[in-house]
Protein backbone atom coordinates (compact mmCIF):
# COMPACT_ATOMS: atom_id res chain seq x y z
CA UNK A 1 139.94 95.52 135.56
CA UNK A 2 140.86 96.73 132.08
CA UNK A 3 139.68 100.11 130.87
CA UNK A 4 137.35 98.45 128.16
CA UNK A 5 135.44 96.71 130.98
CA UNK A 6 135.40 99.49 133.36
CA UNK A 7 134.06 101.76 130.81
CA UNK A 8 130.98 99.02 130.46
CA UNK A 9 130.39 99.17 134.12
CA UNK A 10 130.24 102.95 134.22
CA UNK A 11 127.89 103.10 131.14
CA UNK A 12 125.50 100.62 132.93
CA UNK A 13 125.23 103.01 135.93
CA UNK A 14 124.67 106.03 133.75
CA UNK A 15 121.88 104.26 131.63
CA UNK A 16 120.47 102.95 134.58
CA UNK A 17 119.95 106.51 135.89
CA UNK A 18 118.92 107.80 132.49
CA UNK A 19 116.03 105.29 131.91
CA UNK A 20 114.73 105.64 135.29
CA UNK A 21 111.58 107.32 134.26
CA UNK A 22 110.56 104.30 132.10
CA UNK A 23 109.20 102.93 135.52
CA UNK A 24 111.95 100.79 136.60
CA UNK A 25 113.12 100.76 140.33
CA UNK A 26 116.95 100.04 140.62
CA UNK A 27 117.51 96.95 142.99
CA UNK A 28 120.54 97.63 145.03
CA UNK A 29 120.20 95.35 147.93
CA UNK A 30 118.60 91.99 148.16
CA UNK A 31 114.84 92.23 148.81
CA UNK A 32 113.56 90.56 151.89
CA UNK A 33 111.11 88.50 150.44
CA UNK A 34 113.20 87.14 147.66
CA UNK A 35 115.57 84.35 148.45
CA UNK A 36 117.14 84.26 145.01
CA UNK A 37 118.95 87.42 145.37
CA UNK A 38 121.92 87.45 147.45
CA UNK A 39 124.78 89.91 147.99
CA UNK A 40 128.26 88.67 147.71
CA UNK A 41 131.72 90.35 147.22
CA UNK A 42 131.10 90.66 143.63
CA UNK A 43 127.98 92.30 143.92
CA UNK A 44 124.46 91.10 143.59
CA UNK A 45 123.93 87.36 142.60
CA UNK A 46 120.75 86.05 140.98
CA UNK A 47 119.78 82.34 141.52
CA UNK A 48 119.06 80.41 138.43
CA UNK A 49 117.78 76.83 138.08
CA UNK A 50 121.37 75.62 137.34
CA UNK A 51 123.75 78.28 138.68
CA UNK A 52 123.85 81.54 140.63
CA UNK A 53 124.61 84.78 138.20
CA UNK A 54 126.39 87.85 139.00
CA UNK A 55 124.07 90.81 138.06
CA UNK A 56 125.37 94.33 137.52
CA UNK A 57 122.32 96.38 137.01
CA UNK A 58 118.72 94.93 137.84
CA UNK A 59 115.35 96.97 137.90
CA UNK A 60 112.01 96.12 138.70
CA UNK A 61 108.91 97.69 136.98
CA UNK A 62 106.85 99.62 139.25
CA UNK A 63 103.55 98.12 138.20
CA UNK A 64 102.68 94.66 137.30
CA UNK A 65 101.83 93.86 133.62
CA UNK A 66 98.21 92.50 133.22
CA UNK A 67 98.29 88.62 132.74
CA UNK A 68 101.82 88.32 133.60
CA UNK A 69 104.25 88.13 136.60
CA UNK A 70 105.98 91.20 137.92
CA UNK A 71 108.70 92.29 135.44
CA UNK A 72 112.46 92.62 136.24
CA UNK A 73 115.05 94.01 133.68
CA UNK A 74 118.68 92.90 133.47
CA UNK A 75 120.99 95.71 131.87
CA UNK A 76 124.05 94.73 130.06
CA UNK A 77 126.30 97.49 128.42
CA UNK A 78 129.21 96.84 126.07
CA UNK A 79 131.46 100.06 125.58
CA UNK A 80 133.93 99.05 122.58
CA UNK A 81 135.11 99.90 119.40
CA UNK A 82 134.06 96.82 117.44
CA UNK A 83 130.14 95.73 116.94
CA UNK A 84 128.91 93.54 119.93
CA UNK A 85 128.90 89.91 118.84
CA UNK A 86 126.75 86.72 119.05
CA UNK A 87 128.81 85.83 122.37
CA UNK A 88 127.36 88.60 124.48
CA UNK A 89 123.64 87.88 123.22
CA UNK A 90 124.32 83.84 123.78
CA UNK A 91 125.34 84.70 127.31
CA UNK A 92 122.18 86.63 128.04
CA UNK A 93 120.06 84.07 126.40
CA UNK A 94 121.67 81.43 128.76
CA UNK A 95 121.16 83.58 131.82
CA UNK A 96 117.53 84.37 131.20
CA UNK A 97 116.57 80.73 130.51
CA UNK A 98 118.17 79.65 133.95
CA UNK A 99 116.72 82.57 135.90
CA UNK A 100 113.30 82.16 134.35
CA UNK A 101 113.07 78.43 134.93
CA UNK A 102 114.14 78.54 138.59
CA UNK A 103 110.76 77.82 140.02
CA UNK A 104 110.12 74.93 142.39
CA UNK A 105 106.60 73.83 143.62
CA UNK A 106 107.01 73.06 147.44
CA UNK A 107 105.57 70.01 149.21
CA UNK A 108 103.99 72.52 151.51
CA UNK A 109 101.60 74.17 149.28
CA UNK A 110 101.34 77.08 151.90
CA UNK A 111 104.89 78.01 151.07
CA UNK A 112 104.95 80.03 148.00
CA UNK A 113 107.88 82.28 146.99
CA UNK A 114 107.43 85.26 144.81
CA UNK A 115 107.68 84.70 141.10
CA UNK A 116 109.25 87.22 138.42
CA UNK A 117 109.63 87.29 134.83
CA UNK A 118 113.08 88.49 133.68
CA UNK A 119 113.89 90.31 130.63
CA UNK A 120 117.07 91.53 129.05
CA UNK A 121 118.35 94.71 127.34
CA UNK A 122 121.81 94.92 125.60
CA UNK A 123 123.24 98.36 124.92
CA UNK A 124 126.17 98.70 122.59
CA UNK A 125 128.21 101.99 121.95
CA UNK A 126 129.25 100.62 118.40
CA UNK A 127 126.17 98.54 117.21
CA UNK A 128 125.70 94.86 116.74
CA UNK A 129 126.92 92.35 114.39
CA UNK A 130 124.40 90.51 112.00
CA UNK A 131 124.42 87.21 114.00
CA UNK A 132 123.98 88.92 117.25
CA UNK A 133 120.92 90.68 116.02
CA UNK A 134 119.53 87.40 114.47
CA UNK A 135 119.81 85.55 117.87
CA UNK A 136 118.55 88.40 119.90
CA UNK A 137 115.31 88.70 117.66
CA UNK A 138 115.18 84.90 117.94
CA UNK A 139 115.28 84.73 121.70
CA UNK A 140 113.59 88.28 122.69
CA UNK A 141 116.69 89.76 123.68
CA UNK A 142 116.16 93.66 123.34
CA UNK A 143 118.90 95.80 121.71
CA UNK A 144 119.89 99.38 122.23
CA UNK A 145 122.38 100.93 119.62
CA UNK A 146 124.25 103.85 121.04
CA UNK A 147 126.29 104.45 117.87
CA UNK A 148 124.27 107.75 116.94
CA UNK A 149 126.26 110.97 117.09
CA UNK A 150 123.94 112.13 119.95
CA UNK A 151 125.77 109.86 122.08
CA UNK A 152 129.21 111.11 121.19
CA UNK A 153 129.70 113.41 124.04
CA UNK A 154 128.72 110.87 126.50
CA UNK A 155 131.01 108.26 125.18
CA UNK A 156 133.80 110.91 125.22
CA UNK A 157 133.10 112.09 128.61
CA UNK A 158 133.33 108.14 129.70
CA UNK A 159 136.62 107.77 127.96
CA UNK A 160 137.99 110.85 129.44
CA UNK A 161 136.62 109.79 133.06
CA UNK A 162 138.01 106.26 132.65
CA UNK A 163 141.62 107.68 131.82
CA UNK A 164 141.36 110.18 134.68
CA UNK A 165 140.28 107.48 137.17
CA UNK A 166 143.19 105.09 136.19
CA UNK A 167 145.81 108.10 136.34
CA UNK A 168 144.65 109.13 139.93
CA UNK A 169 145.01 105.57 140.98
CA UNK A 170 148.44 105.05 139.73
CA UNK A 171 147.66 103.47 136.46
CA UNK A 172 148.46 104.45 133.02
CA UNK A 173 148.63 103.03 129.52
CA UNK A 174 146.93 102.35 126.18
CA UNK A 175 143.72 100.97 125.69
CA UNK A 176 143.92 97.11 125.61
CA UNK A 177 147.21 97.01 127.61
CA UNK A 178 147.47 94.57 130.55
CA UNK A 179 146.78 97.14 133.20
CA UNK A 180 144.11 96.03 135.66
CA UNK A 181 142.47 98.76 138.09
CA UNK A 182 141.92 96.74 141.73
CA UNK A 183 138.42 95.32 141.79
CA UNK A 184 137.73 96.83 145.23
CA UNK A 185 138.69 100.31 143.85
CA UNK A 186 136.12 99.61 140.99
CA UNK A 187 133.51 98.55 143.52
CA UNK A 188 133.89 101.64 145.63
CA UNK A 189 133.67 104.13 142.51
CA UNK A 190 130.68 102.28 141.25
CA UNK A 191 128.89 102.26 144.51
CA UNK A 192 129.51 106.08 144.87
CA UNK A 193 128.42 106.90 141.26
CA UNK A 194 125.15 104.70 141.88
CA UNK A 195 124.23 106.18 145.38
CA UNK A 196 125.10 109.82 144.07
CA UNK A 197 123.24 109.55 140.91
CA UNK A 198 120.13 107.96 142.44
CA UNK A 199 119.99 109.78 145.80
CA UNK A 200 120.46 106.44 148.00
CA UNK A 201 121.48 107.07 151.41
CA UNK A 202 123.36 106.56 153.41
CA UNK A 203 125.84 107.94 151.30
CA UNK A 204 129.42 106.21 151.17
CA UNK A 205 131.53 109.17 152.32
CA UNK A 206 135.26 108.41 152.61
CA UNK A 207 135.20 105.19 150.44
CA UNK A 208 137.30 107.01 147.87
CA UNK A 209 139.58 109.97 147.90
CA UNK A 210 138.20 113.40 147.36
CA UNK A 211 140.32 113.72 144.21
CA UNK A 212 138.55 110.68 142.83
CA UNK A 213 135.19 111.98 144.46
CA UNK A 214 135.77 115.02 142.41
CA UNK A 215 136.19 113.20 139.01
CA UNK A 216 132.99 111.27 139.58
CA UNK A 217 130.75 114.07 140.63
CA UNK A 218 131.98 115.89 137.33
CA UNK A 219 130.75 112.94 135.43
CA UNK A 220 127.34 113.05 137.24
CA UNK A 221 126.89 116.62 136.66
CA UNK A 222 127.54 116.23 132.83
CA UNK A 223 124.91 113.33 132.83
CA UNK A 224 122.33 115.11 134.71
CA UNK A 225 122.59 118.69 132.77
CA UNK A 226 123.50 117.47 129.38
CA UNK A 227 121.44 114.22 129.00
CA UNK A 228 118.86 114.37 131.95
CA UNK A 229 116.74 111.22 130.86
CA UNK A 230 116.30 108.94 127.91
CA UNK A 231 112.90 107.34 127.04
CA UNK A 232 111.97 103.57 126.17
CA UNK A 233 109.52 103.01 123.60
CA UNK A 234 107.83 99.73 122.54
CA UNK A 235 106.89 99.50 118.93
CA UNK A 236 103.79 97.63 117.57
CA UNK A 237 106.24 95.19 116.08
CA UNK A 238 108.04 94.20 119.44
CA UNK A 239 111.16 96.29 119.07
CA UNK A 240 112.43 98.41 122.01
CA UNK A 241 113.28 101.84 120.89
CA UNK A 242 115.90 103.87 123.02
CA UNK A 243 114.43 107.37 122.31
CA UNK A 244 116.61 110.48 122.87
CA UNK A 245 114.80 113.75 122.96
CA UNK A 246 116.00 116.86 121.89
CA UNK A 247 114.55 118.46 124.88
CA UNK A 248 113.05 116.08 127.48
CA UNK A 249 110.99 118.55 129.12
CA UNK A 250 109.37 119.91 126.10
CA UNK A 251 108.36 116.20 125.10
CA UNK A 252 106.92 115.06 128.45
CA UNK A 253 104.97 118.37 128.53
CA UNK A 254 103.70 117.77 125.26
CA UNK A 255 102.91 114.15 125.87
CA UNK A 256 101.23 114.74 129.20
CA UNK A 257 98.84 117.19 127.23
CA UNK A 258 98.50 114.82 124.42
CA UNK A 259 98.85 111.27 125.67
CA UNK A 260 97.50 109.81 122.34
CA UNK A 261 98.64 111.72 119.33
CA UNK A 262 99.67 111.13 115.75
CA UNK A 263 103.31 111.33 114.54
CA UNK A 264 105.63 111.65 111.71
CA UNK A 265 108.63 109.13 111.16
CA UNK A 266 111.45 110.20 109.15
CA UNK A 267 114.71 108.41 108.50
CA UNK A 268 118.05 109.57 107.10
CA UNK A 269 121.56 108.07 106.63
CA UNK A 270 124.06 109.64 108.81
CA UNK A 271 127.80 108.63 108.78
CA UNK A 272 126.82 105.27 107.25
CA UNK A 273 124.21 104.69 109.83
CA UNK A 274 120.32 104.87 109.58
CA UNK A 275 118.96 107.41 112.17
CA UNK A 276 115.36 107.68 112.84
CA UNK A 277 113.37 110.65 113.58
CA UNK A 278 109.90 110.93 115.36
CA UNK A 279 107.85 114.33 115.70
CA UNK A 280 104.21 115.31 116.24
CA UNK A 281 101.90 115.27 113.12
CA UNK A 282 100.73 118.80 113.83
CA UNK A 283 103.92 120.76 114.45
CA UNK A 284 107.54 120.08 115.46
CA UNK A 285 107.04 120.83 119.34
CA UNK A 286 109.44 117.97 120.05
CA UNK A 287 111.87 115.53 118.43
CA UNK A 288 112.76 112.09 119.33
CA UNK A 289 115.76 110.40 117.75
CA UNK A 290 116.57 106.64 117.71
CA UNK A 291 118.61 103.97 115.91
CA UNK A 292 118.10 100.25 115.07
CA UNK A 293 120.87 97.81 114.29
CA UNK A 294 121.24 97.84 110.46
CA UNK A 295 120.05 94.35 110.05
CA UNK A 296 116.53 95.44 111.98
CA UNK A 297 116.53 98.57 109.89
CA UNK A 298 116.87 96.48 106.52
CA UNK A 299 113.97 94.13 107.74
CA UNK A 300 111.70 96.85 108.62
CA UNK A 301 112.15 99.35 106.03
CA UNK A 302 113.93 98.81 102.70
CA UNK A 303 115.42 101.84 101.01
CA UNK A 304 115.14 100.90 97.32
CA UNK A 305 112.80 103.28 95.48
CA UNK A 306 111.38 100.53 93.46
CA UNK A 307 110.25 99.07 96.83
CA UNK A 308 108.81 102.14 98.32
CA UNK A 309 105.37 101.30 98.73
CA UNK A 310 105.95 97.98 100.56
CA UNK A 311 108.52 99.75 102.57
CA UNK A 312 105.73 102.12 103.81
CA UNK A 313 103.60 99.25 104.64
CA UNK A 314 106.41 97.68 106.68
CA UNK A 315 106.80 100.82 108.58
CA UNK A 316 103.26 101.22 109.36
CA UNK A 317 103.09 97.52 110.39
CA UNK A 318 105.77 97.68 112.89
CA UNK A 319 105.68 101.40 114.02
CA UNK A 320 101.71 101.92 113.86
CA UNK A 321 101.97 102.61 117.49
CA UNK A 322 104.79 103.30 119.76
CA UNK A 323 104.00 103.28 123.51
CA UNK A 324 106.16 104.80 126.09
CA UNK A 325 105.74 104.18 129.75
CA UNK A 326 106.77 107.21 131.84
CA UNK A 327 107.11 107.58 135.56
CA UNK A 328 106.95 111.22 136.97
CA UNK A 329 109.30 111.32 139.91
CA UNK A 330 107.72 114.43 141.30
CA UNK A 331 104.26 113.29 141.70
CA UNK A 332 105.09 109.57 141.87
CA UNK A 333 102.53 108.95 138.96
CA UNK A 334 102.71 106.53 135.91
CA UNK A 335 101.72 107.51 132.37
CA UNK A 336 101.40 105.97 128.96
CA UNK A 337 101.95 107.82 125.98
CA UNK A 338 100.81 106.45 122.82
CA UNK A 339 102.40 107.77 119.40
CA UNK A 340 100.51 106.70 116.32
CA UNK A 341 101.63 106.50 113.04
CA UNK A 342 99.86 106.29 109.49
CA UNK A 343 101.24 105.63 106.13
CA UNK A 344 100.69 109.09 104.85
CA UNK A 345 102.63 110.53 107.58
CA UNK A 346 105.83 109.44 105.99
CA UNK A 347 108.55 111.80 105.19
CA UNK A 348 111.51 110.77 102.88
CA UNK A 349 114.92 112.43 103.06
CA UNK A 350 114.57 114.63 99.91
CA UNK A 351 111.30 116.07 101.31
CA UNK A 352 113.12 117.74 104.08
């Protein structure tokens, strides 16, 4: 396995951990009551109507949405220098169509297998191309842009982690060179990373060397200490927002005390990208940062001054409410936080 693909695998495991409090339980073994998920040498496989699909990260929502089937989430992460293109989205569209259509009515009416609705989110460290965004919006594939400076530390850590892992296993070379880490080594590292991050036992001690184990433990410590958790918000316009809190504990405390509250939304241009910032209306107790792909940003909020009023209307229509589902691991309780926006709560860059 080459470095770029390895980084994507590691990023998927880290993200699965960081969004754990959004209410998704990581599926690591085939559920006893679901014959459509099997475990093979390449990991979990999900049966579709026409083919089986190897799935790296799969989660199931802890609660069942009203008027819907139990919801499962496929996570795909791309760690690359160029924007993620339409080929990735096209693959996700095909997989979702196949697995969501895999349902057969048995001749025996007393034999009914569980049914699920599958959704997909694609994370990218360098944003998305315009065709990729167009296709994702058309087919309800959610996109998460990790090109914000707030994720630079995490990306550097995974870059350094990858270099160390390759060196410790006798591989070296520049990015993109034909150097492949053995797939079994990758599987062992990924299994150890997943089990340690998510406290899954029995722990696979001895599967990797102590030197490699120490390198993985160092990455885990960084993730838990420096990032802790990310929040998933769904906007009124149907867009998923990956929200990074300046201080996660402060945000959770405020939101529990004020489960529905008014917010201000401010945007600014940082390094050529558009960064959005959410704070409470009455103070600055917390700060949430997110980024939309440029195409979505331009659709939702146009920058030109002569269109400022219509831009406010667009923002209110799409962001009039942001709902965040939060699962508290300590008391095993689910919360819904509703962040409400009104057009008079807009702050422009020059007002700061």
